[in-house]
Amino acid sequence: AAYGTPFTLRAAEWFIAFSMCVLAILKL
C-alpha cells in the first residue's frame, strides 16, 4: 500500500513491529 511493492526493508520492519503489537494484545 505504501510503496507499490510488498518486498521492502520496511515490510520486514513492520512484520516485527506488528508481531510485537499483536503479541502484546494477547498478553493485555
PDB file of all heavy atoms in Angstrom:
ATOM      1  N   ALA A   1       0.825  -1.211   0.000  1.00  0.00           N
ATOM      2  CA  ALA A   1       0.000   0.000   0.000  1.00  0.00           C
ATOM      3  C   ALA A   1       0.859   1.261   0.000  1.00  0.00           C
ATOM      4  O   ALA A   1       0.523   2.263  -0.644  1.00  0.00           O
ATOM      5  CB  ALA A   1      -0.932  -0.018   1.213  1.00  0.00           C
ATOM      6  N   ALA A   2       1.970   1.221   0.726  1.00  0.00           N
ATOM      7  CA  ALA A   2       2.797   2.426   0.874  1.00  0.00           C
ATOM      8  C   ALA A   2       3.752   2.635  -0.291  1.00  0.00           C
ATOM      9  O   ALA A   2       3.990   3.784  -0.710  1.00  0.00           O
ATOM     10  CB  ALA A   2       3.593   2.343   2.180  1.00  0.00           C
ATOM     11  N   TYR A   3       4.317   1.548  -0.821  1.00  0.00           N
ATOM     12  CA  TYR A   3       5.401   1.682  -1.801  1.00  0.00           C
ATOM     13  C   TYR A   3       5.120   1.020  -3.152  1.00  0.00           C
ATOM     14  O   TYR A   3       5.943   1.101  -4.049  1.00  0.00           O
ATOM     15  CB  TYR A   3       6.689   1.078  -1.220  1.00  0.00           C
ATOM     16  CG  TYR A   3       7.112   1.721   0.080  1.00  0.00           C
ATOM     17  CD1 TYR A   3       7.107   0.993   1.265  1.00  0.00           C
ATOM     18  CD2 TYR A   3       7.507   3.059   0.124  1.00  0.00           C
ATOM     19  CE1 TYR A   3       7.478   1.575   2.464  1.00  0.00           C
ATOM     20  CE2 TYR A   3       7.879   3.653   1.323  1.00  0.00           C
ATOM     21  CZ  TYR A   3       7.866   2.908   2.488  1.00  0.00           C
ATOM     22  OH  TYR A   3       8.228   3.489   3.676  1.00  0.00           O
ATOM     23  N   GLY A   4       3.969   0.335  -3.276  1.00  0.00           N
ATOM     24  CA  GLY A   4       3.637  -0.306  -4.541  1.00  0.00           C
ATOM     25  C   GLY A   4       4.295  -1.653  -4.729  1.00  0.00           C
ATOM     26  O   GLY A   4       4.183  -2.256  -5.789  1.00  0.00           O
ATOM     27  N   THR A   5       5.019  -2.141  -3.721  1.00  0.00           N
ATOM     28  CA  THR A   5       5.629  -3.467  -3.762  1.00  0.00           C
ATOM     29  C   THR A   5       5.681  -4.022  -2.338  1.00  0.00           C
ATOM     30  O   THR A   5       5.942  -3.261  -1.394  1.00  0.00           O
ATOM     31  CB  THR A   5       7.049  -3.433  -4.352  1.00  0.00           C
ATOM     32  OG1 THR A   5       7.635  -4.757  -4.238  1.00  0.00           O
ATOM     33  CG2 THR A   5       7.938  -2.451  -3.632  1.00  0.00           C
ATOM     34  N   PRO A   6       5.438  -5.319  -2.166  1.00  0.00           N
ATOM     35  CA  PRO A   6       5.495  -5.887  -0.813  1.00  0.00           C
ATOM     36  C   PRO A   6       6.918  -6.132  -0.332  1.00  0.00           C
ATOM     37  O   PRO A   6       7.147  -6.292   0.865  1.00  0.00           O
ATOM     38  CB  PRO A   6       4.724  -7.204  -0.952  1.00  0.00           C
ATOM     39  CG  PRO A   6       4.893  -7.589  -2.392  1.00  0.00           C
ATOM     40  CD  PRO A   6       4.947  -6.287  -3.165  1.00  0.00           C
ATOM     41  N   PHE A   7       7.876  -6.159  -1.258  1.00  0.00           N
ATOM     42  CA  PHE A   7       9.228  -6.601  -0.912  1.00  0.00           C
ATOM     43  C   PHE A   7      10.149  -5.419  -0.629  1.00  0.00           C
ATOM     44  O   PHE A   7      10.923  -4.987  -1.498  1.00  0.00           O
ATOM     45  CB  PHE A   7       9.777  -7.494  -2.025  1.00  0.00           C
ATOM     46  CG  PHE A   7       8.856  -8.636  -2.350  1.00  0.00           C
ATOM     47  CD1 PHE A   7       8.270  -8.743  -3.607  1.00  0.00           C
ATOM     48  CD2 PHE A   7       8.560  -9.600  -1.392  1.00  0.00           C
ATOM     49  CE1 PHE A   7       7.410  -9.791  -3.899  1.00  0.00           C
ATOM     50  CE2 PHE A   7       7.704 -10.647  -1.671  1.00  0.00           C
ATOM     51  CZ  PHE A   7       7.117 -10.738  -2.919  1.00  0.00           C
ATOM     52  N   THR A   8      10.024  -4.884   0.586  1.00  0.00           N
ATOM     53  CA  THR A   8      10.852  -3.761   1.001  1.00  0.00           C
ATOM     54  C   THR A   8      11.445  -4.056   2.376  1.00  0.00           C
ATOM     55  O   THR A   8      10.953  -4.920   3.112  1.00  0.00           O
ATOM     56  CB  THR A   8      10.016  -2.468   1.096  1.00  0.00           C
ATOM     57  OG1 THR A   8       9.028  -2.633   2.121  1.00  0.00           O
ATOM     58  CG2 THR A   8       9.333  -2.146  -0.227  1.00  0.00           C
ATOM     59  N   LEU A   9      12.493  -3.320   2.700  1.00  0.00           N
ATOM     60  CA  LEU A   9      13.048  -3.429   4.049  1.00  0.00           C
ATOM     61  C   LEU A   9      12.027  -2.997   5.096  1.00  0.00           C
ATOM     62  O   LEU A   9      11.974  -3.537   6.194  1.00  0.00           O
ATOM     63  CB  LEU A   9      14.302  -2.561   4.167  1.00  0.00           C
ATOM     64  CG  LEU A   9      15.543  -3.069   3.425  1.00  0.00           C
ATOM     65  CD1 LEU A   9      16.646  -2.023   3.486  1.00  0.00           C
ATOM     66  CD2 LEU A   9      16.025  -4.379   4.024  1.00  0.00           C
ATOM     67  N   ARG A  10      11.201  -2.027   4.727  1.00  0.00           N
ATOM     68  CA  ARG A  10      10.177  -1.556   5.654  1.00  0.00           C
ATOM     69  C   ARG A  10       9.171  -2.657   5.960  1.00  0.00           C
ATOM     70  O   ARG A  10       8.634  -2.719   7.068  1.00  0.00           O
ATOM     71  CB  ARG A  10       9.460  -0.345   5.047  1.00  0.00           C
ATOM     72  CG  ARG A  10       8.667   0.451   6.073  1.00  0.00           C
ATOM     73  CD  ARG A  10       9.589   1.257   6.974  1.00  0.00           C
ATOM     74  NE  ARG A  10       8.820   2.108   7.880  1.00  0.00           N
ATOM     75  CZ  ARG A  10       8.603   1.838   9.162  1.00  0.00           C
ATOM     76  NH1 ARG A  10       9.094   0.750   9.707  1.00  0.00           N
ATOM     77  NH2 ARG A  10       7.914   2.657   9.917  1.00  0.00           N
ATOM     78  N   ALA A  11       8.898  -3.543   5.004  1.00  0.00           N
ATOM     79  CA  ALA A  11       7.973  -4.658   5.245  1.00  0.00           C
ATOM     80  C   ALA A  11       8.495  -5.564   6.352  1.00  0.00           C
ATOM     81  O   ALA A  11       7.730  -6.026   7.206  1.00  0.00           O
ATOM     82  CB  ALA A  11       7.763  -5.457   3.954  1.00  0.00           C
ATOM     83  N   ALA A  12       9.814  -5.806   6.344  1.00  0.00           N
ATOM     84  CA  ALA A  12      10.416  -6.631   7.391  1.00  0.00           C
ATOM     85  C   ALA A  12      10.322  -5.938   8.742  1.00  0.00           C
ATOM     86  O   ALA A  12      10.037  -6.569   9.768  1.00  0.00           O
ATOM     87  CB  ALA A  12      11.872  -6.940   7.040  1.00  0.00           C
ATOM     88  N   GLU A  13      10.543  -4.622   8.755  1.00  0.00           N
ATOM     89  CA  GLU A  13      10.419  -3.856   9.996  1.00  0.00           C
ATOM     90  C   GLU A  13       8.984  -3.912  10.510  1.00  0.00           C
ATOM     91  O   GLU A  13       8.742  -4.105  11.708  1.00  0.00           O
ATOM     92  CB  GLU A  13      10.832  -2.403   9.763  1.00  0.00           C
ATOM     93  CG  GLU A  13      12.296  -2.227   9.426  1.00  0.00           C
ATOM     94  CD  GLU A  13      12.638  -0.773   9.094  1.00  0.00           C
ATOM     95  OE1 GLU A  13      11.706   0.084   9.148  1.00  0.00           O
ATOM     96  OE2 GLU A  13      13.807  -0.484   8.794  1.00  0.00           O
ATOM     97  N   TRP A  14       8.034  -3.711   9.607  1.00  0.00           N
ATOM     98  CA  TRP A  14       6.625  -3.742  10.008  1.00  0.00           C
ATOM     99  C   TRP A  14       6.231  -5.120  10.522  1.00  0.00           C
ATOM    100  O   TRP A  14       5.435  -5.227  11.456  1.00  0.00           O
ATOM    101  CB  TRP A  14       5.739  -3.330   8.833  1.00  0.00           C
ATOM    102  CG  TRP A  14       5.598  -1.848   8.676  1.00  0.00           C
ATOM    103  CD1 TRP A  14       5.529  -0.920   9.682  1.00  0.00           C
ATOM    104  CD2 TRP A  14       5.515  -1.122   7.460  1.00  0.00           C
ATOM    105  NE1 TRP A  14       5.399   0.353   9.165  1.00  0.00           N
ATOM    106  CE2 TRP A  14       5.385   0.262   7.795  1.00  0.00           C
ATOM    107  CE3 TRP A  14       5.524  -1.473   6.112  1.00  0.00           C
ATOM    108  CZ2 TRP A  14       5.267   1.261   6.843  1.00  0.00           C
ATOM    109  CZ3 TRP A  14       5.408  -0.487   5.163  1.00  0.00           C
ATOM    110  CH2 TRP A  14       5.290   0.871   5.522  1.00  0.00           C
ATOM    111  N   PHE A  15       6.747  -6.177   9.908  1.00  0.00           N
ATOM    112  CA  PHE A  15       6.446  -7.529  10.378  1.00  0.00           C
ATOM    113  C   PHE A  15       6.812  -7.681  11.856  1.00  0.00           C
ATOM    114  O   PHE A  15       6.010  -8.161  12.667  1.00  0.00           O
ATOM    115  CB  PHE A  15       7.196  -8.557   9.530  1.00  0.00           C
ATOM    116  CG  PHE A  15       7.342  -9.900  10.182  1.00  0.00           C
ATOM    117  CD1 PHE A  15       6.231 -10.630  10.579  1.00  0.00           C
ATOM    118  CD2 PHE A  15       8.606 -10.434  10.425  1.00  0.00           C
ATOM    119  CE1 PHE A  15       6.368 -11.882  11.202  1.00  0.00           C
ATOM    120  CE2 PHE A  15       8.749 -11.665  11.037  1.00  0.00           C
ATOM    121  CZ  PHE A  15       7.632 -12.387  11.431  1.00  0.00           C
ATOM    122  N   ILE A  16       8.017  -7.252  12.214  1.00  0.00           N
ATOM    123  CA  ILE A  16       8.446  -7.379  13.612  1.00  0.00           C
ATOM    124  C   ILE A  16       7.621  -6.473  14.516  1.00  0.00           C
ATOM    125  O   ILE A  16       7.166  -6.881  15.589  1.00  0.00           O
ATOM    126  CB  ILE A  16       9.944  -7.055  13.739  1.00  0.00           C
ATOM    127  CG1 ILE A  16      10.774  -8.089  12.962  1.00  0.00           C
ATOM    128  CG2 ILE A  16      10.367  -7.024  15.203  1.00  0.00           C
ATOM    129  CD1 ILE A  16      12.265  -7.811  12.940  1.00  0.00           C
ATOM    130  N   ALA A  17       7.382  -5.235  14.083  1.00  0.00           N
ATOM    131  CA  ALA A  17       6.620  -4.295  14.908  1.00  0.00           C
ATOM    132  C   ALA A  17       5.174  -4.752  15.075  1.00  0.00           C
ATOM    133  O   ALA A  17       4.611  -4.681  16.182  1.00  0.00           O
ATOM    134  CB  ALA A  17       6.666  -2.903  14.282  1.00  0.00           C
ATOM    135  N   PHE A  18       4.560  -5.218  13.995  1.00  0.00           N
ATOM    136  CA  PHE A  18       3.194  -5.742  14.099  1.00  0.00           C
ATOM    137  C   PHE A  18       3.147  -6.961  15.020  1.00  0.00           C
ATOM    138  O   PHE A  18       2.197  -7.139  15.784  1.00  0.00           O
ATOM    139  CB  PHE A  18       2.660  -6.131  12.716  1.00  0.00           C
ATOM    140  CG  PHE A  18       2.282  -4.962  11.836  1.00  0.00           C
ATOM    141  CD1 PHE A  18       2.412  -5.049  10.459  1.00  0.00           C
ATOM    142  CD2 PHE A  18       1.794  -3.781  12.384  1.00  0.00           C
ATOM    143  CE1 PHE A  18       2.066  -3.981   9.646  1.00  0.00           C
ATOM    144  CE2 PHE A  18       1.446  -2.703  11.574  1.00  0.00           C
ATOM    145  CZ  PHE A  18       1.586  -2.806  10.197  1.00  0.00           C
ATOM    146  N   SER A  19       4.170  -7.821  14.929  1.00  0.00           N
ATOM    147  CA  SER A  19       4.226  -9.001  15.800  1.00  0.00           C
ATOM    148  C   SER A  19       4.265  -8.586  17.264  1.00  0.00           C
ATOM    149  O   SER A  19       3.572  -9.170  18.110  1.00  0.00           O
ATOM    150  CB  SER A  19       5.454  -9.855  15.474  1.00  0.00           C
ATOM    151  OG  SER A  19       5.390 -10.367  14.155  1.00  0.00           O
ATOM    152  N   MET A  20       5.066  -7.586  17.576  1.00  0.00           N
ATOM    153  CA  MET A  20       5.138  -7.084  18.952  1.00  0.00           C
ATOM    154  C   MET A  20       3.774  -6.582  19.418  1.00  0.00           C
ATOM    155  O   MET A  20       3.345  -6.863  20.545  1.00  0.00           O
ATOM    156  CB  MET A  20       6.181  -5.965  19.049  1.00  0.00           C
ATOM    157  CG  MET A  20       7.610  -6.438  18.855  1.00  0.00           C
ATOM    158  SD  MET A  20       8.785  -5.061  18.631  1.00  0.00           S
ATOM    159  CE  MET A  20       8.621  -4.205  20.211  1.00  0.00           C
ATOM    160  N   CYS A  21       3.083  -5.852  18.547  1.00  0.00           N
ATOM    161  CA  CYS A  21       1.782  -5.297  18.912  1.00  0.00           C
ATOM    162  C   CYS A  21       0.745  -6.391  19.146  1.00  0.00           C
ATOM    163  O   CYS A  21      -0.002  -6.358  20.126  1.00  0.00           O
ATOM    164  CB  CYS A  21       1.285  -4.346  17.817  1.00  0.00           C
ATOM    165  SG  CYS A  21       2.244  -2.818  17.667  1.00  0.00           S
ATOM    166  N   VAL A  22       0.687  -7.366  18.249  1.00  0.00           N
ATOM    167  CA  VAL A  22      -0.314  -8.431  18.381  1.00  0.00           C
ATOM    168  C   VAL A  22      -0.023  -9.302  19.596  1.00  0.00           C
ATOM    169  O   VAL A  22      -0.929  -9.680  20.348  1.00  0.00           O
ATOM    170  CB  VAL A  22      -0.372  -9.278  17.091  1.00  0.00           C
ATOM    171  CG1 VAL A  22      -1.285 -10.487  17.286  1.00  0.00           C
ATOM    172  CG2 VAL A  22      -0.868  -8.441  15.926  1.00  0.00           C
ATOM    173  N   LEU A  23       1.241  -9.637  19.811  1.00  0.00           N
ATOM    174  CA  LEU A  23       1.599 -10.420  20.992  1.00  0.00           C
ATOM    175  C   LEU A  23       1.272  -9.652  22.274  1.00  0.00           C
ATOM    176  O   LEU A  23       0.835 -10.237  23.272  1.00  0.00           O
ATOM    177  CB  LEU A  23       3.079 -10.792  20.947  1.00  0.00           C
ATOM    178  CG  LEU A  23       3.453 -11.829  19.875  1.00  0.00           C
ATOM    179  CD1 LEU A  23       4.972 -11.920  19.730  1.00  0.00           C
ATOM    180  CD2 LEU A  23       2.869 -13.191  20.204  1.00  0.00           C
ATOM    181  N   ALA A  24       1.457  -8.331  22.236  1.00  0.00           N
ATOM    182  CA  ALA A  24       1.106  -7.509  23.399  1.00  0.00           C
ATOM    183  C   ALA A  24      -0.402  -7.525  23.637  1.00  0.00           C
ATOM    184  O   ALA A  24      -0.859  -7.598  24.785  1.00  0.00           O
ATOM    185  CB  ALA A  24       1.596  -6.080  23.193  1.00  0.00           C
ATOM    186  N   ILE A  25      -1.195  -7.471  22.575  1.00  0.00           N
ATOM    187  CA  ILE A  25      -2.654  -7.539  22.711  1.00  0.00           C
ATOM    188  C   ILE A  25      -3.066  -8.818  23.424  1.00  0.00           C
ATOM    189  O   ILE A  25      -3.915  -8.800  24.326  1.00  0.00           O
ATOM    190  CB  ILE A  25      -3.333  -7.459  21.326  1.00  0.00           C
ATOM    191  CG1 ILE A  25      -3.180  -6.070  20.720  1.00  0.00           C
ATOM    192  CG2 ILE A  25      -4.820  -7.823  21.432  1.00  0.00           C
ATOM    193  CD1 ILE A  25      -3.622  -5.985  19.279  1.00  0.00           C
ATOM    194  N   LEU A  26      -2.475  -9.932  23.034  1.00  0.00           N
ATOM    195  CA  LEU A  26      -2.813 -11.218  23.646  1.00  0.00           C
ATOM    196  C   LEU A  26      -2.464 -11.220  25.128  1.00  0.00           C
ATOM    197  O   LEU A  26      -3.199 -11.785  25.951  1.00  0.00           O
ATOM    198  CB  LEU A  26      -2.083 -12.346  22.918  1.00  0.00           C
ATOM    199  CG  LEU A  26      -2.505 -12.559  21.461  1.00  0.00           C
ATOM    200  CD1 LEU A  26      -1.607 -13.592  20.794  1.00  0.00           C
ATOM    201  CD2 LEU A  26      -3.963 -12.990  21.371  1.00  0.00           C
ATOM    202  N   LYS A  27      -1.351 -10.600  25.487  1.00  0.00           N
ATOM    203  CA  LYS A  27      -0.965 -10.522  26.894  1.00  0.00           C
ATOM    204  C   LYS A  27      -1.901  -9.594  27.669  1.00  0.00           C
ATOM    205  O   LYS A  27      -2.262  -9.850  28.818  1.00  0.00           O
ATOM    206  CB  LYS A  27       0.478 -10.021  27.018  1.00  0.00           C
ATOM    207  CG  LYS A  27       1.542 -10.936  26.406  1.00  0.00           C
ATOM    208  CD  LYS A  27       2.904 -10.281  26.499  1.00  0.00           C
ATOM    209  CE  LYS A  27       4.023 -11.156  25.950  1.00  0.00           C
ATOM    210  NZ  LYS A  27       4.039 -11.225  24.480  1.00  0.00           N
ATOM    211  N   LEU A  28      -2.307  -8.493  27.033  1.00  0.00           N
ATOM    212  CA  LEU A  28      -3.122  -7.485  27.704  1.00  0.00           C
ATOM    213  C   LEU A  28      -4.563  -7.928  27.927  1.00  0.00           C
ATOM    214  O   LEU A  28      -5.297  -7.280  28.678  1.00  0.00           O
ATOM    215  CB  LEU A  28      -3.095  -6.179  26.899  1.00  0.00           C
ATOM    216  CG  LEU A  28      -1.769  -5.411  26.939  1.00  0.00           C
ATOM    217  CD1 LEU A  28      -1.751  -4.322  25.880  1.00  0.00           C
ATOM    218  CD2 LEU A  28      -1.533  -4.822  28.320  1.00  0.00           C
TER     219      LEU A  28
END
